[in-house]
Amino acid sequence: MSHLPNCPKCHSQYTYEDGTLFVCPECAHEWTGESETKDTEDKKIIKDANGNILNDGDSVTVIKDLKVKGSSLVVKIGTKVKNIRLIDGDHDIDCKIDGFGGMKLKSEFVKKI
């Protein structure tokens, strides 16, 4: 019995072959064997203000005072942020900052520790 790949969309292990396609019964995603490798190669590379590549779980430091939208709070320069998560969008870092809670940051305003 050959091992079938997990679904690249929902990571389900219950995939099956349908002709030349792989099909996920849980999310109805269909893909070919080649498209799975293309998805991993097409990931966006996110860099900090100094050009260092950022990864999930990295720690960063804020390099500029950032006003928090909707409040009078300010994230001060030098604030350390641990365990970041990279996301798609204009604000490409999702994190929790002590004293502020969950927040999204732009990678251009942080540097990797």
C-alpha atoms as a PDB file:
ATOM      1  CA  MET A   1       0.000   0.000   0.000  1.00  0.00           C
ATOM      2  CA  SER A   2       1.452   3.351  -1.037  1.00  0.00           C
ATOM      3  CA  HIS A   3       1.455   6.331   1.286  1.00  0.00           C
ATOM      4  CA  LEU A   4      -0.780   9.185   0.106  1.00  0.00           C
ATOM      5  CA  PRO A   5       0.128  12.780   1.036  1.00  0.00           C
ATOM      6  CA  ASN A   6      -1.905  14.729   3.567  1.00  0.00           C
ATOM      7  CA  CYS A   7      -4.143  17.489   2.245  1.00  0.00           C
ATOM      8  CA  PRO A   8      -2.096  20.702   1.788  1.00  0.00           C
ATOM      9  CA  LYS A   9      -5.135  22.818   2.686  1.00  0.00           C
ATOM     10  CA  CYS A  10      -6.546  21.213   5.849  1.00  0.00           C
ATOM     11  CA  HIS A  11      -3.803  18.605   6.547  1.00  0.00           C
ATOM     12  CA  SER A  12      -6.306  15.746   6.634  1.00  0.00           C
ATOM     13  CA  GLN A  13      -4.836  12.256   6.415  1.00  0.00           C
ATOM     14  CA  TYR A  14      -7.898  10.789   4.669  1.00  0.00           C
ATOM     15  CA  THR A  15      -6.928  11.652   1.078  1.00  0.00           C
ATOM     16  CA  TYR A  16      -7.540   9.389  -1.902  1.00  0.00           C
ATOM     17  CA  GLU A  17      -6.547   9.218  -5.568  1.00  0.00           C
ATOM     18  CA  ASP A  18      -9.006  10.010  -8.348  1.00  0.00           C
ATOM     19  CA  GLY A  19      -7.230   9.453 -11.641  1.00  0.00           C
ATOM     20  CA  THR A  20      -4.272  11.849 -11.671  1.00  0.00           C
ATOM     21  CA  LEU A  21      -5.618  13.973  -8.794  1.00  0.00           C
ATOM     22  CA  PHE A  22      -5.516  13.637  -5.036  1.00  0.00           C
ATOM     23  CA  VAL A  23      -8.802  14.494  -3.290  1.00  0.00           C
ATOM     24  CA  CYS A  24      -9.546  15.415   0.323  1.00  0.00           C
ATOM     25  CA  PRO A  25     -12.978  14.198   1.486  1.00  0.00           C
ATOM     26  CA  GLU A  26     -13.046  16.631   4.421  1.00  0.00           C
ATOM     27  CA  CYS A  27     -12.511  19.968   2.614  1.00  0.00           C
ATOM     28  CA  ALA A  28     -13.069  18.830  -1.032  1.00  0.00           C
ATOM     29  CA  HIS A  29      -9.652  20.188  -2.075  1.00  0.00           C
ATOM     30  CA  GLU A  30      -8.197  18.603  -5.230  1.00  0.00           C
ATOM     31  CA  TRP A  31      -4.538  18.794  -6.253  1.00  0.00           C
ATOM     32  CA  THR A  32      -1.903  17.054  -8.315  1.00  0.00           C
ATOM     33  CA  GLY A  33       1.383  15.769  -6.958  1.00  0.00           C
ATOM     34  CA  GLU A  34       3.253  18.659  -8.603  1.00  0.00           C
ATOM     35  CA  SER A  35       1.077  21.407  -7.083  1.00  0.00           C
ATOM     36  CA  GLU A  36       2.009  20.319  -3.560  1.00  0.00           C
ATOM     37  CA  THR A  37       5.681  21.103  -4.164  1.00  0.00           C
ATOM     38  CA  LYS A  38       4.822  24.410  -5.861  1.00  0.00           C
ATOM     39  CA  ASP A  39       2.852  25.542  -2.796  1.00  0.00           C
ATOM     40  CA  THR A  40       5.887  25.163  -0.558  1.00  0.00           C
ATOM     41  CA  GLU A  41       8.159  26.982  -3.034  1.00  0.00           C
ATOM     42  CA  ASP A  42       5.763  29.915  -3.542  1.00  0.00           C
ATOM     43  CA  LYS A  43       5.668  30.952   0.110  1.00  0.00           C
ATOM     44  CA  LYS A  44       6.322  34.636   0.605  1.00  0.00           C
ATOM     45  CA  ILE A  45       9.635  35.463   2.266  1.00  0.00           C
ATOM     46  CA  ILE A  46       9.202  38.083   4.984  1.00  0.00           C
ATOM     47  CA  LYS A  47      12.229  40.143   6.038  1.00  0.00           C
ATOM     48  CA  ASP A  48      12.799  42.523   8.932  1.00  0.00           C
ATOM     49  CA  ALA A  49      14.063  46.115   8.677  1.00  0.00           C
ATOM     50  CA  ASN A  50      17.676  44.895   8.342  1.00  0.00           C
ATOM     51  CA  GLY A  51      16.904  42.310   5.651  1.00  0.00           C
ATOM     52  CA  ASN A  52      17.029  39.227   7.884  1.00  0.00           C
ATOM     53  CA  ILE A  53      14.541  36.500   6.985  1.00  0.00           C
ATOM     54  CA  LEU A  54      11.842  36.034   9.640  1.00  0.00           C
ATOM     55  CA  ASN A  55      10.342  32.658  10.599  1.00  0.00           C
ATOM     56  CA  ASP A  56       7.470  31.578  12.829  1.00  0.00           C
ATOM     57  CA  GLY A  57       8.562  31.526  16.473  1.00  0.00           C
ATOM     58  CA  ASP A  58      11.307  34.157  16.127  1.00  0.00           C
ATOM     59  CA  SER A  59      11.797  36.964  18.620  1.00  0.00           C
ATOM     60  CA  VAL A  60      11.963  40.541  17.369  1.00  0.00           C
ATOM     61  CA  THR A  61      12.467  44.065  18.719  1.00  0.00           C
ATOM     62  CA  VAL A  62      10.394  47.100  17.720  1.00  0.00           C
ATOM     63  CA  ILE A  63      12.642  49.751  16.102  1.00  0.00           C
ATOM     64  CA  LYS A  64      10.207  52.691  16.156  1.00  0.00           C
ATOM     65  CA  ASP A  65       7.511  54.032  18.496  1.00  0.00           C
ATOM     66  CA  LEU A  66       4.222  52.668  17.136  1.00  0.00           C
ATOM     67  CA  LYS A  67       0.852  54.215  17.969  1.00  0.00           C
ATOM     68  CA  VAL A  68      -1.851  51.658  18.666  1.00  0.00           C
ATOM     69  CA  LYS A  69      -4.828  52.402  16.460  1.00  0.00           C
ATOM     70  CA  GLY A  70      -8.009  53.095  18.418  1.00  0.00           C
ATOM     71  CA  SER A  71      -6.305  53.931  21.709  1.00  0.00           C
ATOM     72  CA  SER A  72      -3.837  56.354  23.233  1.00  0.00           C
ATOM     73  CA  LEU A  73      -1.249  53.610  23.867  1.00  0.00           C
ATOM     74  CA  VAL A  74       2.172  53.520  22.202  1.00  0.00           C
ATOM     75  CA  VAL A  75       4.426  50.506  21.670  1.00  0.00           C
ATOM     76  CA  LYS A  76       7.824  51.950  22.577  1.00  0.00           C
ATOM     77  CA  ILE A  77      11.068  51.499  20.695  1.00  0.00           C
ATOM     78  CA  GLY A  78      13.030  48.494  22.004  1.00  0.00           C
ATOM     79  CA  THR A  79       9.944  46.483  23.001  1.00  0.00           C
ATOM     80  CA  LYS A  80      10.758  42.779  22.677  1.00  0.00           C
ATOM     81  CA  VAL A  81       8.191  40.517  21.058  1.00  0.00           C
ATOM     82  CA  LYS A  82       8.589  36.750  21.452  1.00  0.00           C
ATOM     83  CA  ASN A  83       7.166  33.905  19.408  1.00  0.00           C
ATOM     84  CA  ILE A  84       5.877  35.772  16.343  1.00  0.00           C
ATOM     85  CA  ARG A  85       3.634  34.186  13.730  1.00  0.00           C
ATOM     86  CA  LEU A  86       3.870  35.175  10.068  1.00  0.00           C
ATOM     87  CA  ILE A  87       0.632  35.820   8.177  1.00  0.00           C
ATOM     88  CA  ASP A  88      -0.409  37.146   4.767  1.00  0.00           C
ATOM     89  CA  GLY A  89      -1.510  40.745   4.412  1.00  0.00           C
ATOM     90  CA  ASP A  90      -0.286  44.283   4.922  1.00  0.00           C
ATOM     91  CA  HIS A  91       0.537  43.645   8.584  1.00  0.00           C
ATOM     92  CA  ASP A  92       2.470  40.399   8.204  1.00  0.00           C
ATOM     93  CA  ILE A  93       3.359  39.600  11.839  1.00  0.00           C
ATOM     94  CA  ASP A  94       0.802  38.359  14.369  1.00  0.00           C
ATOM     95  CA  CYS A  95       1.979  38.442  17.983  1.00  0.00           C
ATOM     96  CA  LYS A  96       1.156  39.103  21.615  1.00  0.00           C
ATOM     97  CA  ILE A  97       2.864  42.022  23.328  1.00  0.00           C
ATOM     98  CA  ASP A  98       2.956  42.180  27.133  1.00  0.00           C
ATOM     99  CA  GLY A  99       0.660  44.977  28.311  1.00  0.00           C
ATOM    100  CA  PHE A 100      -1.084  45.286  24.923  1.00  0.00           C
ATOM    101  CA  GLY A 101      -2.356  41.803  24.055  1.00  0.00           C
ATOM    102  CA  GLY A 102      -2.778  40.424  20.547  1.00  0.00           C
ATOM    103  CA  MET A 103      -1.500  42.689  17.810  1.00  0.00           C
ATOM    104  CA  LYS A 104      -0.445  42.728  14.166  1.00  0.00           C
ATOM    105  CA  LEU A 105       2.785  44.446  13.124  1.00  0.00           C
ATOM    106  CA  LYS A 106       4.500  45.307   9.869  1.00  0.00           C
ATOM    107  CA  SER A 107       7.837  43.587   9.390  1.00  0.00           C
ATOM    108  CA  GLU A 108       9.487  46.866   8.341  1.00  0.00           C
ATOM    109  CA  PHE A 109       9.217  48.157  11.945  1.00  0.00           C
ATOM    110  CA  VAL A 110      10.961  45.227  13.670  1.00  0.00           C
ATOM    111  CA  LYS A 111      14.412  43.661  13.734  1.00  0.00           C
ATOM    112  CA  LYS A 112      15.270  40.057  14.521  1.00  0.00           C
ATOM    113  CA  ILE A 113      16.998  39.371  17.839  1.00  0.00           C
END
